[in-house]
N, C-alpha and C. Protein backbone atom coordinates (compact mmCIF):
# COMPACT_ATOMS: atom_id res chain seq x y z
N MET A 1 8.75 -12.45 15.82
CA MET A 1 7.74 -11.71 16.35
C MET A 1 6.38 -12.46 16.49
N GLU A 2 6.12 -12.51 17.84
CA GLU A 2 5.12 -13.41 18.17
C GLU A 2 3.88 -12.61 18.77
N LEU A 3 2.60 -12.95 17.97
CA LEU A 3 1.56 -12.26 18.34
C LEU A 3 0.54 -12.92 19.32
N ASP A 4 0.05 -12.32 19.92
CA ASP A 4 -1.10 -13.09 20.91
C ASP A 4 -2.40 -13.37 20.19
N ALA A 5 -3.11 -14.25 20.15
CA ALA A 5 -4.10 -14.65 19.53
C ALA A 5 -5.38 -13.76 19.79
N VAL A 6 -6.09 -13.16 18.87
CA VAL A 6 -7.03 -12.08 19.07
C VAL A 6 -8.24 -12.54 17.85
N ALA A 7 -9.40 -12.78 18.34
CA ALA A 7 -10.49 -13.26 17.60
C ALA A 7 -10.85 -11.90 16.48
N PRO A 8 -10.75 -12.10 15.25
CA PRO A 8 -11.19 -10.82 14.67
C PRO A 8 -12.52 -10.51 14.60
N ASP A 9 -12.98 -9.27 14.46
CA ASP A 9 -14.22 -8.70 14.80
C ASP A 9 -14.43 -7.79 13.73
N PHE A 10 -15.17 -8.19 12.46
CA PHE A 10 -15.39 -7.09 11.33
C PHE A 10 -16.43 -6.71 11.53
N THR A 11 -16.84 -5.49 11.52
CA THR A 11 -18.17 -4.78 11.69
C THR A 11 -18.37 -4.07 10.27
N PRO A 12 -19.77 -4.19 9.81
CA PRO A 12 -19.97 -3.51 8.90
C PRO A 12 -20.06 -1.96 8.93
N ALA A 13 -19.73 -1.17 7.93
CA ALA A 13 -19.74 0.14 7.98
C ALA A 13 -20.12 0.68 6.72
N LEU A 14 -21.07 1.64 6.73
CA LEU A 14 -21.66 2.12 5.43
C LEU A 14 -20.75 3.07 4.84
N ASP A 15 -19.86 3.96 5.45
CA ASP A 15 -19.01 4.89 4.95
C ASP A 15 -17.76 4.34 4.33
N VAL A 16 -17.36 3.25 4.97
CA VAL A 16 -16.00 2.62 4.46
C VAL A 16 -16.40 1.26 4.14
N PRO A 17 -16.53 0.73 3.21
CA PRO A 17 -17.00 -0.75 2.45
C PRO A 17 -15.63 -1.37 2.85
N ASN A 18 -15.77 -2.59 3.46
CA ASN A 18 -14.70 -3.31 3.76
C ASN A 18 -13.54 -2.87 4.38
N GLY A 19 -13.80 -1.83 5.35
CA GLY A 19 -12.92 -1.08 6.20
C GLY A 19 -12.18 -2.08 7.14
N GLY A 20 -12.96 -2.91 7.55
CA GLY A 20 -12.40 -3.85 8.53
C GLY A 20 -11.09 -4.88 7.98
N LEU A 21 -11.29 -4.90 6.79
CA LEU A 21 -10.43 -5.85 5.94
C LEU A 21 -8.99 -4.82 6.08
N LEU A 22 -9.28 -3.46 5.63
CA LEU A 22 -7.97 -2.61 5.68
C LEU A 22 -7.41 -2.44 6.83
N CYS A 23 -8.21 -2.52 8.11
CA CYS A 23 -7.42 -2.59 9.29
C CYS A 23 -6.54 -3.96 9.64
N ALA A 24 -7.16 -5.16 9.05
CA ALA A 24 -6.14 -6.43 9.31
C ALA A 24 -4.97 -6.39 8.39
N LEU A 25 -4.65 -5.72 7.29
CA LEU A 25 -3.74 -5.76 6.40
C LEU A 25 -2.40 -5.61 7.19
N PRO A 26 -2.11 -4.60 8.01
CA PRO A 26 -0.73 -4.54 8.60
C PRO A 26 -0.41 -5.82 9.32
N ALA A 27 -1.53 -6.33 9.95
CA ALA A 27 -1.35 -7.54 10.92
C ALA A 27 -0.90 -8.61 9.87
N LEU A 28 -1.74 -8.79 8.97
CA LEU A 28 -1.48 -9.82 7.98
C LEU A 28 -0.04 -9.89 7.42
N ALA A 29 0.45 -8.66 7.12
CA ALA A 29 1.68 -8.27 6.58
C ALA A 29 2.87 -8.66 7.58
N ALA A 30 2.59 -8.42 8.72
CA ALA A 30 3.58 -8.50 10.01
C ALA A 30 4.02 -10.05 9.95
N VAL A 31 2.97 -10.60 9.98
CA VAL A 31 3.26 -12.17 10.22
C VAL A 31 3.65 -13.03 8.88
N GLY A 32 3.73 -12.05 7.73
CA GLY A 32 4.07 -12.78 6.35
C GLY A 32 3.14 -13.41 5.59
N LEU A 33 1.88 -13.17 6.07
CA LEU A 33 0.84 -13.81 5.16
C LEU A 33 0.62 -13.18 3.58
N LEU A 34 0.96 -11.98 3.57
CA LEU A 34 0.79 -11.23 2.38
C LEU A 34 2.31 -11.43 1.35
N GLN A 35 3.39 -12.18 1.61
CA GLN A 35 4.30 -12.32 1.11
C GLN A 35 4.06 -13.01 -0.48
N GLY A 36 4.32 -12.42 -1.61
CA GLY A 36 4.11 -13.12 -2.64
C GLY A 36 2.81 -12.71 -3.47
N MET A 37 1.97 -11.97 -2.70
CA MET A 37 0.59 -11.94 -3.13
C MET A 37 0.72 -10.76 -4.47
N GLU A 38 1.79 -10.07 -4.85
CA GLU A 38 1.62 -9.30 -5.94
C GLU A 38 1.81 -10.02 -7.23
N ARG A 39 1.98 -11.59 -7.16
CA ARG A 39 1.72 -12.70 -7.98
C ARG A 39 0.32 -12.43 -8.64
N HIS A 40 -0.46 -12.36 -7.49
CA HIS A 40 -1.94 -12.42 -7.96
C HIS A 40 -2.82 -11.36 -7.74
N LEU A 41 -2.50 -10.18 -7.20
CA LEU A 41 -3.14 -9.04 -7.32
C LEU A 41 -2.52 -7.97 -8.36
N GLN A 42 -3.17 -7.25 -8.75
CA GLN A 42 -2.61 -6.14 -9.59
C GLN A 42 -3.08 -4.87 -9.15
N MET A 43 -2.52 -3.70 -9.05
CA MET A 43 -3.04 -2.29 -8.71
C MET A 43 -3.56 -1.65 -9.74
N PRO A 44 -4.34 -0.70 -9.64
CA PRO A 44 -4.92 -0.31 -10.96
C PRO A 44 -3.80 0.69 -11.63
N LYS A 45 -3.84 0.75 -13.01
CA LYS A 45 -2.91 1.31 -13.75
C LYS A 45 -2.51 2.89 -13.21
N GLY A 46 -1.28 3.24 -13.35
CA GLY A 46 -0.82 4.53 -12.75
C GLY A 46 -0.66 4.44 -11.45
N TYR A 47 -1.04 3.47 -10.48
CA TYR A 47 -0.87 3.44 -9.11
C TYR A 47 0.63 3.03 -8.71
N ASP A 48 1.33 3.65 -8.25
CA ASP A 48 2.80 3.29 -7.76
C ASP A 48 2.90 2.92 -6.41
N GLY A 49 1.86 2.87 -5.69
CA GLY A 49 2.03 2.44 -4.37
C GLY A 49 2.39 3.34 -3.35
N ILE A 50 2.75 4.56 -3.76
CA ILE A 50 3.45 5.58 -2.66
C ILE A 50 2.24 6.69 -2.77
N VAL A 51 1.95 7.23 -4.15
CA VAL A 51 1.20 8.50 -4.23
C VAL A 51 -0.06 8.04 -4.88
N ASN A 52 -1.13 8.69 -4.20
CA ASN A 52 -2.45 8.64 -4.94
C ASN A 52 -2.49 9.00 -6.36
N PRO A 53 -3.33 8.31 -7.35
CA PRO A 53 -2.94 8.84 -8.54
C PRO A 53 -3.89 10.22 -8.48
N GLU A 54 -4.90 10.36 -7.93
CA GLU A 54 -5.77 11.33 -7.97
C GLU A 54 -5.05 12.60 -7.29
N TYR A 55 -4.22 12.37 -6.40
CA TYR A 55 -3.53 13.50 -5.85
C TYR A 55 -2.33 14.00 -6.76
N ARG A 56 -2.02 12.94 -7.60
CA ARG A 56 -0.83 13.36 -8.68
C ARG A 56 -1.69 14.22 -9.57
N HIS A 57 -2.66 13.98 -10.19
CA HIS A 57 -3.73 14.44 -11.28
C HIS A 57 -3.88 15.83 -10.72
N LEU A 58 -4.21 16.17 -9.46
CA LEU A 58 -4.48 17.49 -8.86
C LEU A 58 -3.16 18.40 -8.50
N ASP A 59 -1.97 17.55 -8.25
CA ASP A 59 -0.90 18.44 -8.01
C ASP A 59 0.14 18.74 -9.07
N GLY A 60 -0.40 18.30 -10.27
CA GLY A 60 0.48 18.34 -11.43
C GLY A 60 0.27 19.94 -12.08
N PRO A 61 -0.80 20.29 -12.02
CA PRO A 61 -1.22 21.86 -12.65
C PRO A 61 -0.65 22.68 -11.33
N VAL A 62 -0.58 22.24 -10.19
CA VAL A 62 0.12 23.32 -9.14
C VAL A 62 1.48 23.57 -9.21
N ARG A 63 1.99 22.51 -9.52
CA ARG A 63 3.54 22.39 -9.74
C ARG A 63 4.02 23.00 -11.10
N SER A 64 3.30 22.94 -12.22
CA SER A 64 3.45 23.51 -13.22
C SER A 64 3.38 25.16 -13.24
N ALA A 65 2.31 25.66 -12.55
CA ALA A 65 2.20 26.89 -12.31
C ALA A 65 3.25 27.44 -11.30
N THR A 66 3.78 26.59 -10.63
CA THR A 66 4.70 27.31 -9.55
C THR A 66 6.00 27.36 -10.43
N GLY A 67 6.27 26.32 -11.35
CA GLY A 67 7.36 26.58 -12.15
C GLY A 67 7.48 27.79 -13.10
N LYS A 68 6.28 27.93 -13.57
CA LYS A 68 6.16 29.16 -14.56
C LYS A 68 6.37 30.51 -13.86
N LEU A 69 5.83 30.48 -12.40
CA LEU A 69 5.89 31.48 -11.76
C LEU A 69 7.48 31.92 -11.36
N THR A 70 7.96 30.85 -11.03
CA THR A 70 9.63 30.78 -10.44
C THR A 70 10.37 31.27 -11.83
N ARG A 71 10.04 30.94 -12.82
CA ARG A 71 10.89 31.39 -14.25
C ARG A 71 10.45 32.72 -14.42
N ARG A 72 9.50 33.26 -14.38
CA ARG A 72 8.87 34.72 -14.45
C ARG A 72 9.73 35.30 -13.61
N LEU A 73 9.81 35.08 -12.15
CA LEU A 73 10.42 35.77 -11.16
C LEU A 73 11.84 35.87 -11.36
N ALA A 74 12.47 34.82 -11.78
CA ALA A 74 13.84 34.85 -12.31
C ALA A 74 14.16 35.86 -13.37
N LYS A 75 13.19 35.94 -14.26
CA LYS A 75 13.57 36.79 -15.40
C LYS A 75 13.49 38.24 -15.00
N PHE A 76 12.33 38.72 -14.13
CA PHE A 76 12.10 39.89 -13.47
C PHE A 76 13.48 40.32 -12.61
N ALA A 77 13.98 39.32 -11.70
CA ALA A 77 15.11 39.71 -10.99
C ALA A 77 16.26 39.89 -11.82
N ALA A 78 16.51 39.31 -12.97
CA ALA A 78 17.50 39.33 -13.97
C ALA A 78 17.58 40.93 -14.58
N MET A 79 16.49 41.33 -14.61
CA MET A 79 16.55 42.80 -15.29
C MET A 79 17.00 43.78 -14.58
N THR A 80 17.85 44.72 -15.14
CA THR A 80 18.58 45.67 -14.41
C THR A 80 18.45 46.88 -14.94
N LEU A 81 18.55 48.04 -14.59
CA LEU A 81 18.75 49.28 -15.03
C LEU A 81 20.07 49.66 -15.63
N GLU A 82 20.14 49.97 -16.95
CA GLU A 82 21.34 50.11 -17.55
C GLU A 82 22.15 51.40 -16.88
N LYS A 83 21.15 52.44 -16.81
CA LYS A 83 21.60 53.75 -16.40
C LYS A 83 20.58 54.24 -15.30
N PRO A 84 20.92 55.29 -14.44
CA PRO A 84 19.77 55.87 -13.56
C PRO A 84 18.73 56.49 -14.28
N ILE A 85 17.62 56.25 -13.69
CA ILE A 85 16.30 57.05 -13.98
C ILE A 85 16.37 58.45 -13.72
N GLU A 86 16.14 59.35 -14.68
CA GLU A 86 16.04 60.82 -14.52
C GLU A 86 14.68 61.18 -13.67
N PRO A 87 15.14 61.99 -12.95
CA PRO A 87 13.77 62.49 -12.01
C PRO A 87 12.60 62.61 -12.63
N LYS A 88 12.84 63.54 -13.88
CA LYS A 88 11.70 64.12 -14.59
C LYS A 88 10.67 62.90 -15.33
N HIS A 89 11.46 61.68 -15.39
CA HIS A 89 10.69 60.36 -15.99
C HIS A 89 9.88 59.95 -14.70
N VAL A 90 10.29 59.99 -13.68
CA VAL A 90 9.84 59.21 -12.40
C VAL A 90 8.72 60.09 -11.80
N GLU A 91 8.84 61.46 -11.71
CA GLU A 91 7.95 62.28 -11.06
C GLU A 91 6.46 62.05 -11.46
N PRO A 92 6.05 61.93 -12.82
CA PRO A 92 4.69 61.76 -13.26
C PRO A 92 3.90 60.42 -12.67
N PHE A 93 4.84 59.45 -12.43
CA PHE A 93 4.29 58.26 -11.81
C PHE A 93 4.13 58.20 -10.31
N VAL A 94 5.09 59.17 -9.66
CA VAL A 94 4.83 59.41 -8.22
C VAL A 94 3.76 60.18 -7.88
N ARG A 95 3.55 60.89 -8.67
CA ARG A 95 2.18 62.19 -8.45
C ARG A 95 0.89 61.24 -8.52
N ASN A 96 0.82 60.19 -9.55
CA ASN A 96 -0.15 59.34 -9.82
C ASN A 96 -0.55 58.44 -8.78
N ALA A 97 0.57 57.90 -8.18
CA ALA A 97 0.56 56.78 -7.06
C ALA A 97 -0.07 57.62 -5.87
N THR A 98 0.11 58.73 -5.64
CA THR A 98 -0.11 59.53 -4.18
C THR A 98 -1.61 60.00 -4.38
């Protein structure tokens, strides 16, 4: 892969400190300048390179609640009536609902 020479232009930005460097990383990786850097750089504990740890922290409770709801719905779906309900037992509920 051959890249045309382009002068880097890093412009300071208050909202993204060192943001210009982040834009240069794909180009550095494409030409192989980042190979072997894992020996010298360490990612924060818990960071696996694919999922932001903060997202994982927020997503965990959502997944837990979804799992609990799924299990409850499965229990509810498994309940069946063993015999038909007599109308005299149902009518009071129907009257209160209307």
